[in-house]
N, C-alpha and C. Protein backbone atom coordinates (compact mmCIF):
# COMPACT_ATOMS: atom_id res chain seq x y z
N MET A 1 0.59 -8.26 -15.58
CA MET A 1 0.13 -9.24 -16.43
C MET A 1 0.20 -10.67 -15.90
N THR A 2 -0.68 -11.47 -16.33
CA THR A 2 -0.67 -12.94 -15.85
C THR A 2 0.37 -13.64 -16.63
N ALA A 3 1.23 -14.49 -15.97
CA ALA A 3 2.12 -15.19 -16.55
C ALA A 3 1.61 -16.24 -17.57
N ASP A 4 0.53 -16.88 -17.24
CA ASP A 4 -0.03 -17.92 -18.17
C ASP A 4 -0.72 -17.37 -19.45
N ARG A 5 -1.37 -16.27 -19.37
CA ARG A 5 -2.02 -15.72 -20.56
C ARG A 5 -1.41 -14.60 -21.11
N GLY A 6 -0.70 -13.84 -20.38
CA GLY A 6 0.09 -12.67 -20.89
C GLY A 6 -0.75 -11.44 -21.02
N VAL A 7 -2.02 -11.48 -20.75
CA VAL A 7 -2.89 -10.33 -20.81
C VAL A 7 -3.80 -10.38 -19.57
N LEU A 8 -3.95 -9.14 -19.04
CA LEU A 8 -4.91 -9.10 -17.83
C LEU A 8 -6.29 -9.22 -18.29
N ARG A 9 -7.09 -9.97 -17.56
CA ARG A 9 -8.54 -10.10 -17.88
C ARG A 9 -9.17 -9.37 -16.76
N LEU A 10 -9.97 -8.34 -17.18
CA LEU A 10 -10.60 -7.43 -16.18
C LEU A 10 -12.11 -7.47 -16.40
N ALA A 11 -12.80 -7.60 -15.33
CA ALA A 11 -14.35 -7.65 -15.35
C ALA A 11 -14.92 -6.44 -14.56
N LEU A 12 -15.88 -5.82 -15.06
CA LEU A 12 -16.47 -4.71 -14.51
C LEU A 12 -17.73 -5.15 -13.68
N LYS A 13 -17.88 -4.80 -12.55
CA LYS A 13 -19.02 -5.08 -11.69
C LYS A 13 -19.69 -3.87 -11.03
N TYR A 14 -20.90 -3.64 -11.39
CA TYR A 14 -21.60 -2.50 -10.80
C TYR A 14 -22.31 -2.79 -9.43
N CYS A 15 -22.30 -1.78 -8.53
CA CYS A 15 -23.10 -1.98 -7.40
C CYS A 15 -24.66 -1.87 -7.77
N GLY A 16 -25.43 -1.89 -6.77
CA GLY A 16 -26.91 -1.81 -7.02
C GLY A 16 -27.29 -0.43 -7.37
N GLY A 17 -26.59 0.60 -7.27
CA GLY A 17 -26.93 1.95 -7.68
C GLY A 17 -27.88 2.67 -6.83
N CYS A 18 -27.99 2.23 -5.55
CA CYS A 18 -29.02 2.90 -4.66
C CYS A 18 -28.83 4.32 -4.32
N ASN A 19 -27.52 4.82 -4.38
CA ASN A 19 -27.33 6.15 -3.99
C ASN A 19 -26.14 6.61 -4.76
N PRO A 20 -26.04 6.61 -6.11
CA PRO A 20 -24.93 6.94 -6.85
C PRO A 20 -24.54 8.45 -6.91
N ASP A 21 -23.28 8.76 -6.69
CA ASP A 21 -22.77 10.17 -6.65
C ASP A 21 -22.16 10.59 -7.92
N TYR A 22 -22.11 9.64 -8.86
CA TYR A 22 -21.57 9.97 -10.20
C TYR A 22 -22.16 9.08 -11.28
N ASP A 23 -21.89 9.43 -12.54
CA ASP A 23 -22.44 8.60 -13.60
C ASP A 23 -21.51 7.33 -13.85
N ARG A 24 -21.91 6.31 -13.29
CA ARG A 24 -21.02 5.01 -13.39
C ARG A 24 -20.90 4.59 -14.78
N VAL A 25 -21.92 4.63 -15.65
CA VAL A 25 -21.95 4.16 -16.95
C VAL A 25 -20.88 5.00 -17.74
N ALA A 26 -20.81 6.28 -17.62
CA ALA A 26 -19.96 7.22 -18.31
C ALA A 26 -18.49 6.81 -17.90
N VAL A 27 -18.33 6.65 -16.52
CA VAL A 27 -16.96 6.24 -16.06
C VAL A 27 -16.45 4.97 -16.67
N ALA A 28 -17.48 3.96 -16.63
CA ALA A 28 -17.08 2.62 -17.31
C ALA A 28 -16.59 2.79 -18.81
N ALA A 29 -17.36 3.56 -19.53
CA ALA A 29 -17.04 3.84 -20.94
C ALA A 29 -15.65 4.52 -21.03
N SER A 30 -15.26 5.36 -20.09
CA SER A 30 -14.01 6.00 -20.03
C SER A 30 -12.92 5.00 -19.73
N ILE A 31 -13.13 4.16 -18.76
CA ILE A 31 -12.18 3.08 -18.39
C ILE A 31 -11.99 2.17 -19.62
N ARG A 32 -13.07 1.74 -20.26
CA ARG A 32 -12.96 0.86 -21.45
C ARG A 32 -12.07 1.53 -22.49
N ALA A 33 -12.34 2.81 -22.75
CA ALA A 33 -11.66 3.52 -23.80
C ALA A 33 -10.14 3.61 -23.48
N ARG A 34 -9.88 3.94 -22.20
CA ARG A 34 -8.50 4.12 -21.84
C ARG A 34 -7.60 2.89 -21.77
N LEU A 35 -8.36 1.81 -21.55
CA LEU A 35 -7.63 0.41 -21.35
C LEU A 35 -7.76 -0.36 -22.56
N ASP A 36 -8.48 0.04 -23.67
CA ASP A 36 -8.71 -0.63 -24.79
C ASP A 36 -7.34 -1.14 -25.45
N GLY A 37 -7.25 -2.43 -25.70
CA GLY A 37 -6.00 -2.99 -26.28
C GLY A 37 -5.05 -3.29 -25.21
N ARG A 38 -5.14 -2.91 -23.95
CA ARG A 38 -4.18 -3.16 -22.95
C ARG A 38 -4.60 -4.26 -22.06
N VAL A 39 -5.93 -4.45 -21.83
CA VAL A 39 -6.56 -5.63 -20.99
C VAL A 39 -7.68 -6.22 -21.88
N GLU A 40 -8.10 -7.39 -21.47
CA GLU A 40 -9.22 -8.10 -22.09
C GLU A 40 -10.35 -7.90 -21.09
N PHE A 41 -11.42 -7.30 -21.60
CA PHE A 41 -12.64 -7.20 -20.71
C PHE A 41 -13.47 -8.39 -20.95
N VAL A 42 -13.79 -8.98 -19.75
CA VAL A 42 -14.53 -10.27 -19.68
C VAL A 42 -15.78 -10.10 -18.80
N THR A 43 -16.68 -11.03 -18.95
CA THR A 43 -17.83 -11.04 -17.99
C THR A 43 -17.39 -11.48 -16.65
N ALA A 44 -17.97 -10.86 -15.64
CA ALA A 44 -17.55 -11.19 -14.21
C ALA A 44 -17.78 -12.54 -13.88
N GLY A 45 -19.01 -13.09 -14.25
CA GLY A 45 -19.42 -14.41 -13.90
C GLY A 45 -19.21 -14.70 -12.46
N ASP A 46 -18.51 -15.89 -12.16
CA ASP A 46 -18.25 -16.23 -10.83
C ASP A 46 -16.77 -15.79 -10.41
N GLY A 47 -16.10 -15.17 -11.35
CA GLY A 47 -14.81 -14.78 -11.05
C GLY A 47 -13.66 -15.61 -11.61
N SER A 48 -14.05 -16.81 -12.01
CA SER A 48 -12.93 -17.67 -12.60
C SER A 48 -12.43 -17.14 -13.92
N GLY A 49 -11.14 -17.17 -14.04
CA GLY A 49 -10.46 -16.60 -15.19
C GLY A 49 -10.34 -15.11 -15.22
N VAL A 50 -10.67 -14.41 -14.12
CA VAL A 50 -10.59 -12.97 -13.99
C VAL A 50 -9.42 -12.64 -13.16
N ASP A 51 -8.64 -11.74 -13.61
CA ASP A 51 -7.43 -11.32 -12.88
C ASP A 51 -7.87 -10.08 -11.91
N ILE A 52 -8.62 -9.13 -12.39
CA ILE A 52 -9.09 -8.04 -11.69
C ILE A 52 -10.61 -7.82 -11.81
N VAL A 53 -11.27 -7.63 -10.68
CA VAL A 53 -12.72 -7.31 -10.71
C VAL A 53 -12.59 -5.80 -10.38
N LEU A 54 -13.18 -4.96 -11.22
CA LEU A 54 -13.27 -3.49 -11.06
C LEU A 54 -14.75 -3.25 -10.68
N LEU A 55 -14.89 -2.93 -9.36
CA LEU A 55 -16.15 -2.55 -8.85
C LEU A 55 -16.47 -1.02 -8.95
N LEU A 56 -17.48 -0.70 -9.76
CA LEU A 56 -17.97 0.60 -9.95
C LEU A 56 -19.08 0.88 -8.93
N ALA A 57 -18.65 1.29 -7.75
CA ALA A 57 -19.57 1.57 -6.62
C ALA A 57 -19.99 3.07 -6.78
N GLY A 58 -21.34 3.28 -6.59
CA GLY A 58 -21.88 4.54 -6.88
C GLY A 58 -21.49 5.58 -5.72
N CYS A 59 -21.03 5.10 -4.55
CA CYS A 59 -20.74 6.01 -3.47
C CYS A 59 -19.59 5.37 -2.68
N GLU A 60 -19.22 6.15 -1.66
CA GLU A 60 -18.08 5.70 -0.77
C GLU A 60 -18.43 4.51 0.03
N THR A 61 -19.69 4.22 0.23
CA THR A 61 -20.01 2.93 0.96
C THR A 61 -19.50 1.69 0.42
N ALA A 62 -19.67 1.69 -0.95
CA ALA A 62 -19.13 0.48 -1.71
C ALA A 62 -19.64 -0.84 -1.10
N CYS A 63 -20.90 -0.93 -0.89
CA CYS A 63 -21.54 -2.09 -0.19
C CYS A 63 -21.89 -3.30 -1.10
N ALA A 64 -21.48 -3.34 -2.24
CA ALA A 64 -21.78 -4.41 -3.16
C ALA A 64 -21.27 -5.72 -2.59
N ASP A 65 -22.02 -6.80 -2.77
CA ASP A 65 -21.58 -8.15 -2.42
C ASP A 65 -20.60 -8.67 -3.45
N LEU A 66 -19.47 -8.94 -2.95
CA LEU A 66 -18.33 -9.47 -3.72
C LEU A 66 -17.85 -10.85 -3.40
N ASP A 67 -18.64 -11.55 -2.62
CA ASP A 67 -18.35 -12.85 -2.08
C ASP A 67 -18.04 -13.87 -3.29
N GLN A 68 -18.59 -13.67 -4.37
CA GLN A 68 -18.36 -14.68 -5.48
C GLN A 68 -17.03 -14.38 -6.15
N PHE A 69 -16.35 -13.32 -5.79
CA PHE A 69 -15.03 -13.05 -6.39
C PHE A 69 -13.97 -13.31 -5.34
N ALA A 70 -14.17 -14.14 -4.35
CA ALA A 70 -13.07 -14.59 -3.42
C ALA A 70 -11.84 -15.03 -4.18
N GLY A 71 -10.75 -14.51 -3.98
CA GLY A 71 -9.54 -14.95 -4.64
C GLY A 71 -9.17 -14.11 -5.75
N CYS A 72 -10.07 -13.13 -6.14
CA CYS A 72 -9.76 -12.24 -7.25
C CYS A 72 -9.20 -10.94 -6.66
N GLU A 73 -8.36 -10.22 -7.37
CA GLU A 73 -7.92 -8.93 -6.96
C GLU A 73 -9.20 -7.91 -7.35
N ILE A 74 -9.49 -7.13 -6.31
CA ILE A 74 -10.61 -6.22 -6.59
C ILE A 74 -10.14 -4.81 -6.43
N MET A 75 -10.51 -3.97 -7.31
CA MET A 75 -10.21 -2.55 -7.35
C MET A 75 -11.57 -1.90 -7.29
N THR A 76 -11.57 -0.91 -6.38
CA THR A 76 -12.96 -0.25 -6.23
C THR A 76 -12.80 1.24 -6.68
N VAL A 77 -13.88 1.59 -7.56
CA VAL A 77 -14.00 2.93 -7.95
C VAL A 77 -15.25 3.59 -7.29
N THR A 78 -15.07 4.77 -6.55
CA THR A 78 -16.15 5.28 -5.90
C THR A 78 -16.45 6.74 -6.38
N SER A 79 -15.62 7.16 -7.37
CA SER A 79 -15.82 8.52 -7.95
C SER A 79 -15.02 8.48 -9.30
N ARG A 80 -15.36 9.59 -10.04
CA ARG A 80 -14.59 9.76 -11.27
C ARG A 80 -13.15 10.01 -11.01
N LYS A 81 -12.79 10.71 -10.01
CA LYS A 81 -11.38 10.97 -9.71
C LYS A 81 -10.66 9.60 -9.26
N LYS A 82 -11.42 8.75 -8.53
CA LYS A 82 -10.78 7.44 -8.09
C LYS A 82 -10.67 6.60 -9.36
N SER A 83 -11.48 6.70 -10.41
CA SER A 83 -11.26 5.95 -11.60
C SER A 83 -9.98 6.23 -12.26
N GLU A 84 -9.48 7.34 -12.18
CA GLU A 84 -8.23 7.81 -12.81
C GLU A 84 -7.04 7.04 -12.06
N VAL A 85 -7.19 6.98 -10.77
CA VAL A 85 -6.13 6.20 -9.87
C VAL A 85 -6.16 4.76 -10.34
N VAL A 86 -7.26 4.21 -10.44
CA VAL A 86 -7.37 2.79 -10.80
C VAL A 86 -6.87 2.48 -12.15
N ILE A 87 -7.24 3.35 -13.12
CA ILE A 87 -6.75 3.28 -14.62
C ILE A 87 -5.19 3.20 -14.51
N GLU A 88 -4.63 4.16 -13.83
CA GLU A 88 -3.14 4.19 -13.67
C GLU A 88 -2.61 2.90 -13.16
N ARG A 89 -3.19 2.40 -12.10
CA ARG A 89 -2.71 1.14 -11.46
C ARG A 89 -2.73 -0.04 -12.50
N VAL A 90 -3.90 -0.17 -13.25
CA VAL A 90 -3.97 -1.23 -14.20
C VAL A 90 -2.93 -0.97 -15.36
N LEU A 91 -2.76 0.22 -15.80
CA LEU A 91 -1.78 0.46 -16.79
C LEU A 91 -0.40 0.04 -16.44
N LYS A 92 -0.03 0.34 -15.19
CA LYS A 92 1.32 -0.06 -14.73
C LYS A 92 1.52 -1.50 -14.75
N ARG A 93 0.36 -2.26 -14.54
CA ARG A 93 0.47 -3.74 -14.47
C ARG A 93 0.50 -4.30 -15.92
N THR A 94 0.27 -3.47 -16.98
CA THR A 94 0.26 -4.03 -18.29
C THR A 94 1.62 -3.79 -19.04
N LEU A 95 2.52 -3.08 -18.37
CA LEU A 95 3.83 -2.77 -18.94
C LEU A 95 4.67 -4.02 -19.00
């Protein structure tokens, strides 16, 4: 958690979806449901005020441009299985 706000602010960022290997929208819904009440979901914008940018990349290439989020922690999801790992990492940060 952040010391100044007390709650993690998490933004979801999708890749362009040129070659998705899984249903990113379904995974995003699962992430939102699992983290509901534990983090604050915010709009990515330019990254200001965001603690974690969660990139939902459709494949292992994860080629989305993240330059606007310099200075933000970025966690990348490239599969449904990887989403579980990321959810656990975020949950540990909220304890």
